[in-house]
Amino acid sequence: MVDTTPLTRAVDHFADLLRAAPQSRLQRSAAAEALGLARELALRAQRLEDAAAEPREMPDAGMFAAADQITVASRDLALVLRNEEELAEAVTLVAEAQKRAGV
């Protein structure tokens, strides 16, 4: 089993920043970046769970749900990660998305 604490910490930090961000920042780019991250994390989780299944896209629940969406998607992914390499890739995705989001 992989210790997913680094992923949880990275996502929780990003989610906290999103929740504290002003609406103008969310509208400019932060919410879109978070949604893109949530969709990528969810896609990775689905592929690890069942590579043959048709992946489902996480819906856009609005800019104020972005923090919750990355949290849910990361928790789903954390449950199916198989190794440290997959964990490191996920943590890197979070860091890059947070940087692009500007929060």
N, C-alpha and C. Protein backbone atom coordinates (compact mmCIF):
# COMPACT_ATOMS: atom_id res chain seq x y z
N MET A 1 0.85 -1.18 0.00
CA MET A 1 0.00 0.00 0.00
C MET A 1 0.89 1.25 0.00
N VAL A 2 0.49 2.23 -0.76
CA VAL A 2 1.23 3.47 -0.91
C VAL A 2 0.74 4.47 0.14
N ASP A 3 1.68 5.14 0.79
CA ASP A 3 1.33 6.21 1.73
C ASP A 3 0.99 7.45 0.92
N THR A 4 -0.26 7.80 0.88
CA THR A 4 -0.73 8.90 0.03
C THR A 4 -0.78 10.24 0.76
N THR A 5 -0.15 10.33 1.91
CA THR A 5 -0.14 11.57 2.68
C THR A 5 0.35 12.76 1.87
N PRO A 6 1.42 12.63 1.07
CA PRO A 6 1.85 13.80 0.28
C PRO A 6 0.78 14.32 -0.67
N LEU A 7 0.02 13.42 -1.27
CA LEU A 7 -1.06 13.84 -2.17
C LEU A 7 -2.16 14.54 -1.39
N THR A 8 -2.54 13.96 -0.28
CA THR A 8 -3.59 14.55 0.54
C THR A 8 -3.20 15.94 1.01
N ARG A 9 -1.97 16.10 1.45
CA ARG A 9 -1.52 17.41 1.92
C ARG A 9 -1.50 18.44 0.79
N ALA A 10 -1.01 18.04 -0.36
CA ALA A 10 -0.94 18.96 -1.50
C ALA A 10 -2.33 19.40 -1.92
N VAL A 11 -3.25 18.47 -2.00
CA VAL A 11 -4.61 18.81 -2.43
C VAL A 11 -5.33 19.63 -1.37
N ASP A 12 -5.16 19.27 -0.11
CA ASP A 12 -5.80 20.04 0.95
C ASP A 12 -5.32 21.49 0.95
N HIS A 13 -4.02 21.68 0.71
CA HIS A 13 -3.46 23.04 0.66
C HIS A 13 -4.05 23.82 -0.52
N PHE A 14 -4.08 23.19 -1.69
CA PHE A 14 -4.64 23.85 -2.87
C PHE A 14 -6.12 24.16 -2.65
N ALA A 15 -6.86 23.21 -2.09
CA ALA A 15 -8.28 23.43 -1.83
C ALA A 15 -8.49 24.59 -0.86
N ASP A 16 -7.67 24.67 0.18
CA ASP A 16 -7.79 25.78 1.13
C ASP A 16 -7.55 27.13 0.44
N LEU A 17 -6.55 27.16 -0.44
CA LEU A 17 -6.27 28.39 -1.18
C LEU A 17 -7.43 28.77 -2.08
N LEU A 18 -8.04 27.79 -2.72
CA LEU A 18 -9.18 28.07 -3.58
C LEU A 18 -10.36 28.60 -2.76
N ARG A 19 -10.59 28.01 -1.62
CA ARG A 19 -11.71 28.45 -0.78
C ARG A 19 -11.51 29.89 -0.28
N ALA A 20 -10.26 30.27 -0.09
CA ALA A 20 -9.96 31.62 0.40
C ALA A 20 -9.81 32.65 -0.72
N ALA A 21 -9.75 32.19 -1.95
CA ALA A 21 -9.52 33.08 -3.09
C ALA A 21 -10.75 33.95 -3.36
N PRO A 22 -10.52 35.18 -3.77
CA PRO A 22 -11.66 36.03 -4.15
C PRO A 22 -12.32 35.51 -5.43
N GLN A 23 -13.57 35.86 -5.58
CA GLN A 23 -14.32 35.41 -6.75
C GLN A 23 -13.63 35.82 -8.05
N SER A 24 -13.05 36.98 -8.08
CA SER A 24 -12.38 37.44 -9.30
C SER A 24 -11.23 36.52 -9.69
N ARG A 25 -10.49 36.03 -8.72
CA ARG A 25 -9.38 35.10 -9.00
C ARG A 25 -9.93 33.76 -9.52
N LEU A 26 -11.01 33.30 -8.91
CA LEU A 26 -11.62 32.05 -9.36
C LEU A 26 -12.09 32.19 -10.80
N GLN A 27 -12.69 33.33 -11.13
CA GLN A 27 -13.20 33.55 -12.47
C GLN A 27 -12.09 33.65 -13.51
N ARG A 28 -10.96 34.23 -13.13
CA ARG A 28 -9.88 34.43 -14.09
C ARG A 28 -9.26 33.10 -14.52
N SER A 29 -8.92 32.26 -13.57
CA SER A 29 -8.26 31.02 -13.98
C SER A 29 -8.26 29.93 -12.94
N ALA A 30 -8.36 30.29 -11.69
CA ALA A 30 -8.17 29.30 -10.63
C ALA A 30 -9.20 28.18 -10.69
N ALA A 31 -10.46 28.51 -10.88
CA ALA A 31 -11.50 27.48 -10.90
C ALA A 31 -11.34 26.56 -12.11
N ALA A 32 -10.99 27.13 -13.24
CA ALA A 32 -10.79 26.31 -14.45
C ALA A 32 -9.61 25.37 -14.27
N GLU A 33 -8.54 25.85 -13.67
CA GLU A 33 -7.38 24.99 -13.40
C GLU A 33 -7.75 23.86 -12.45
N ALA A 34 -8.50 24.20 -11.42
CA ALA A 34 -8.92 23.19 -10.44
C ALA A 34 -9.82 22.15 -11.10
N LEU A 35 -10.75 22.58 -11.93
CA LEU A 35 -11.62 21.63 -12.61
C LEU A 35 -10.81 20.72 -13.53
N GLY A 36 -9.86 21.30 -14.25
CA GLY A 36 -8.99 20.48 -15.10
C GLY A 36 -8.22 19.46 -14.29
N LEU A 37 -7.72 19.86 -13.14
CA LEU A 37 -7.01 18.93 -12.26
C LEU A 37 -7.94 17.84 -11.76
N ALA A 38 -9.11 18.23 -11.31
CA ALA A 38 -10.08 17.24 -10.80
C ALA A 38 -10.42 16.22 -11.88
N ARG A 39 -10.62 16.69 -13.09
CA ARG A 39 -10.94 15.78 -14.19
C ARG A 39 -9.78 14.83 -14.48
N GLU A 40 -8.56 15.34 -14.45
CA GLU A 40 -7.39 14.48 -14.71
C GLU A 40 -7.21 13.46 -13.60
N LEU A 41 -7.35 13.87 -12.35
CA LEU A 41 -7.22 12.93 -11.24
C LEU A 41 -8.31 11.86 -11.30
N ALA A 42 -9.53 12.27 -11.62
CA ALA A 42 -10.64 11.32 -11.73
C ALA A 42 -10.40 10.33 -12.87
N LEU A 43 -9.90 10.83 -13.99
CA LEU A 43 -9.61 9.97 -15.13
C LEU A 43 -8.54 8.94 -14.77
N ARG A 44 -7.50 9.37 -14.08
CA ARG A 44 -6.44 8.44 -13.67
C ARG A 44 -6.99 7.38 -12.73
N ALA A 45 -7.84 7.79 -11.80
CA ALA A 45 -8.43 6.83 -10.87
C ALA A 45 -9.28 5.80 -11.62
N GLN A 46 -10.07 6.26 -12.56
CA GLN A 46 -10.92 5.35 -13.32
C GLN A 46 -10.09 4.37 -14.14
N ARG A 47 -9.03 4.84 -14.75
CA ARG A 47 -8.17 3.96 -15.55
C ARG A 47 -7.49 2.91 -14.69
N LEU A 48 -7.08 3.29 -13.48
CA LEU A 48 -6.45 2.33 -12.58
C LEU A 48 -7.45 1.30 -12.07
N GLU A 49 -8.68 1.74 -11.85
CA GLU A 49 -9.71 0.83 -11.37
C GLU A 49 -10.14 -0.16 -12.44
N ASP A 50 -10.34 0.32 -13.66
CA ASP A 50 -10.81 -0.54 -14.74
C ASP A 50 -10.42 0.10 -16.07
N ALA A 51 -9.30 -0.34 -16.59
CA ALA A 51 -8.76 0.25 -17.82
C ALA A 51 -9.67 0.02 -19.02
N ALA A 52 -10.50 -0.98 -18.98
CA ALA A 52 -11.36 -1.30 -20.11
C ALA A 52 -12.66 -0.49 -20.12
N ALA A 53 -13.01 0.08 -19.00
CA ALA A 53 -14.28 0.83 -18.89
C ALA A 53 -14.16 2.19 -19.57
N GLU A 54 -15.28 2.65 -20.07
CA GLU A 54 -15.34 3.98 -20.68
C GLU A 54 -15.27 5.02 -19.55
N PRO A 55 -14.27 5.91 -19.58
CA PRO A 55 -14.17 6.90 -18.49
C PRO A 55 -15.31 7.92 -18.53
N ARG A 56 -15.67 8.37 -17.36
CA ARG A 56 -16.71 9.39 -17.22
C ARG A 56 -16.03 10.71 -16.86
N GLU A 57 -16.50 11.79 -17.43
CA GLU A 57 -15.91 13.10 -17.15
C GLU A 57 -16.60 13.75 -15.96
N MET A 58 -15.79 14.28 -15.06
CA MET A 58 -16.34 15.00 -13.93
C MET A 58 -17.05 16.25 -14.45
N PRO A 59 -18.28 16.48 -14.02
CA PRO A 59 -19.01 17.65 -14.52
C PRO A 59 -18.48 18.94 -13.91
N ASP A 60 -18.76 20.03 -14.57
CA ASP A 60 -18.42 21.35 -14.05
C ASP A 60 -19.53 21.75 -13.08
N ALA A 61 -19.22 21.74 -11.80
CA ALA A 61 -20.21 22.07 -10.77
C ALA A 61 -20.15 23.54 -10.37
N GLY A 62 -19.37 24.32 -11.09
CA GLY A 62 -19.27 25.74 -10.79
C GLY A 62 -18.01 26.08 -10.02
N MET A 63 -17.63 27.35 -10.12
CA MET A 63 -16.35 27.76 -9.56
C MET A 63 -16.26 27.60 -8.05
N PHE A 64 -17.37 27.66 -7.35
CA PHE A 64 -17.32 27.55 -5.90
C PHE A 64 -17.23 26.09 -5.43
N ALA A 65 -17.37 25.16 -6.34
CA ALA A 65 -17.24 23.74 -6.02
C ALA A 65 -15.87 23.18 -6.38
N ALA A 66 -15.03 24.00 -6.98
CA ALA A 66 -13.74 23.52 -7.48
C ALA A 66 -12.88 22.87 -6.40
N ALA A 67 -12.82 23.48 -5.22
CA ALA A 67 -12.02 22.92 -4.13
C ALA A 67 -12.53 21.55 -3.73
N ASP A 68 -13.84 21.41 -3.66
CA ASP A 68 -14.42 20.11 -3.29
C ASP A 68 -14.17 19.07 -4.37
N GLN A 69 -14.22 19.49 -5.62
CA GLN A 69 -14.01 18.55 -6.71
C GLN A 69 -12.59 18.00 -6.73
N ILE A 70 -11.58 18.83 -6.48
CA ILE A 70 -10.22 18.30 -6.46
C ILE A 70 -10.03 17.40 -5.25
N THR A 71 -10.69 17.72 -4.16
CA THR A 71 -10.57 16.90 -2.95
C THR A 71 -11.17 15.51 -3.19
N VAL A 72 -12.36 15.46 -3.74
CA VAL A 72 -13.01 14.18 -4.00
C VAL A 72 -12.22 13.35 -5.00
N ALA A 73 -11.80 13.98 -6.08
CA ALA A 73 -11.07 13.24 -7.12
C ALA A 73 -9.74 12.70 -6.58
N SER A 74 -9.06 13.49 -5.76
CA SER A 74 -7.78 13.03 -5.22
C SER A 74 -7.97 11.88 -4.24
N ARG A 75 -9.03 11.92 -3.47
CA ARG A 75 -9.29 10.82 -2.52
C ARG A 75 -9.61 9.54 -3.28
N ASP A 76 -10.37 9.65 -4.37
CA ASP A 76 -10.65 8.47 -5.19
C ASP A 76 -9.36 7.90 -5.77
N LEU A 77 -8.50 8.78 -6.27
CA LEU A 77 -7.23 8.33 -6.83
C LEU A 77 -6.35 7.69 -5.76
N ALA A 78 -6.30 8.29 -4.60
CA ALA A 78 -5.47 7.77 -3.52
C ALA A 78 -5.82 6.33 -3.17
N LEU A 79 -7.06 5.97 -3.32
CA LEU A 79 -7.50 4.61 -2.99
C LEU A 79 -6.97 3.56 -3.96
N VAL A 80 -6.60 3.96 -5.17
CA VAL A 80 -6.20 2.97 -6.18
C VAL A 80 -4.75 3.10 -6.64
N LEU A 81 -4.01 4.07 -6.09
CA LEU A 81 -2.61 4.20 -6.48
C LEU A 81 -1.85 2.92 -6.15
N ARG A 82 -0.99 2.51 -7.07
CA ARG A 82 -0.29 1.23 -6.90
C ARG A 82 1.16 1.38 -6.48
N ASN A 83 1.76 2.54 -6.73
CA ASN A 83 3.19 2.67 -6.44
C ASN A 83 3.57 4.13 -6.23
N GLU A 84 4.81 4.32 -5.80
CA GLU A 84 5.33 5.66 -5.51
C GLU A 84 5.42 6.53 -6.76
N GLU A 85 5.65 5.92 -7.90
CA GLU A 85 5.74 6.68 -9.15
C GLU A 85 4.40 7.33 -9.49
N GLU A 86 3.33 6.57 -9.37
CA GLU A 86 2.00 7.12 -9.62
C GLU A 86 1.67 8.22 -8.62
N LEU A 87 2.08 8.03 -7.38
CA LEU A 87 1.87 9.05 -6.34
C LEU A 87 2.63 10.32 -6.69
N ALA A 88 3.89 10.18 -7.07
CA ALA A 88 4.71 11.35 -7.41
C ALA A 88 4.12 12.11 -8.59
N GLU A 89 3.61 11.40 -9.59
CA GLU A 89 2.98 12.04 -10.74
C GLU A 89 1.76 12.86 -10.31
N ALA A 90 0.95 12.29 -9.42
CA ALA A 90 -0.25 12.99 -8.95
C ALA A 90 0.12 14.24 -8.16
N VAL A 91 1.11 14.14 -7.30
CA VAL A 91 1.54 15.30 -6.51
C VAL A 91 2.07 16.39 -7.44
N THR A 92 2.80 16.00 -8.47
CA THR A 92 3.31 16.97 -9.44
C THR A 92 2.17 17.65 -10.18
N LEU A 93 1.15 16.89 -10.56
CA LEU A 93 -0.01 17.49 -11.23
C LEU A 93 -0.66 18.55 -10.35
N VAL A 94 -0.78 18.26 -9.07
CA VAL A 94 -1.40 19.22 -8.14
C VAL A 94 -0.55 20.48 -8.05
N ALA A 95 0.73 20.32 -7.88
CA ALA A 95 1.64 21.47 -7.75
C ALA A 95 1.60 22.35 -9.00
N GLU A 96 1.61 21.71 -10.16
CA GLU A 96 1.59 22.47 -11.41
C GLU A 96 0.27 23.22 -11.60
N ALA A 97 -0.84 22.56 -11.26
CA ALA A 97 -2.15 23.20 -11.40
C ALA A 97 -2.28 24.38 -10.43
N GLN A 98 -1.77 24.20 -9.22
CA GLN A 98 -1.82 25.29 -8.24
C GLN A 98 -1.01 26.49 -8.74
N LYS A 99 0.13 26.22 -9.30
CA LYS A 99 0.97 27.32 -9.83
C LYS A 99 0.26 28.05 -10.96
N ARG A 100 -0.33 27.29 -11.88
CA ARG A 100 -1.05 27.93 -13.00
C ARG A 100 -2.28 28.70 -12.52
N ALA A 101 -2.89 28.21 -11.45
CA ALA A 101 -4.10 28.86 -10.91
C ALA A 101 -3.80 30.21 -10.28
N GLY A 102 -2.57 30.38 -9.86
CA GLY A 102 -2.18 31.67 -9.29
C GLY A 102 -2.75 31.93 -7.91
N VAL A 103 -2.96 30.89 -7.16
CA VAL A 103 -3.45 31.08 -5.78
C VAL A 103 -2.38 30.67 -4.79
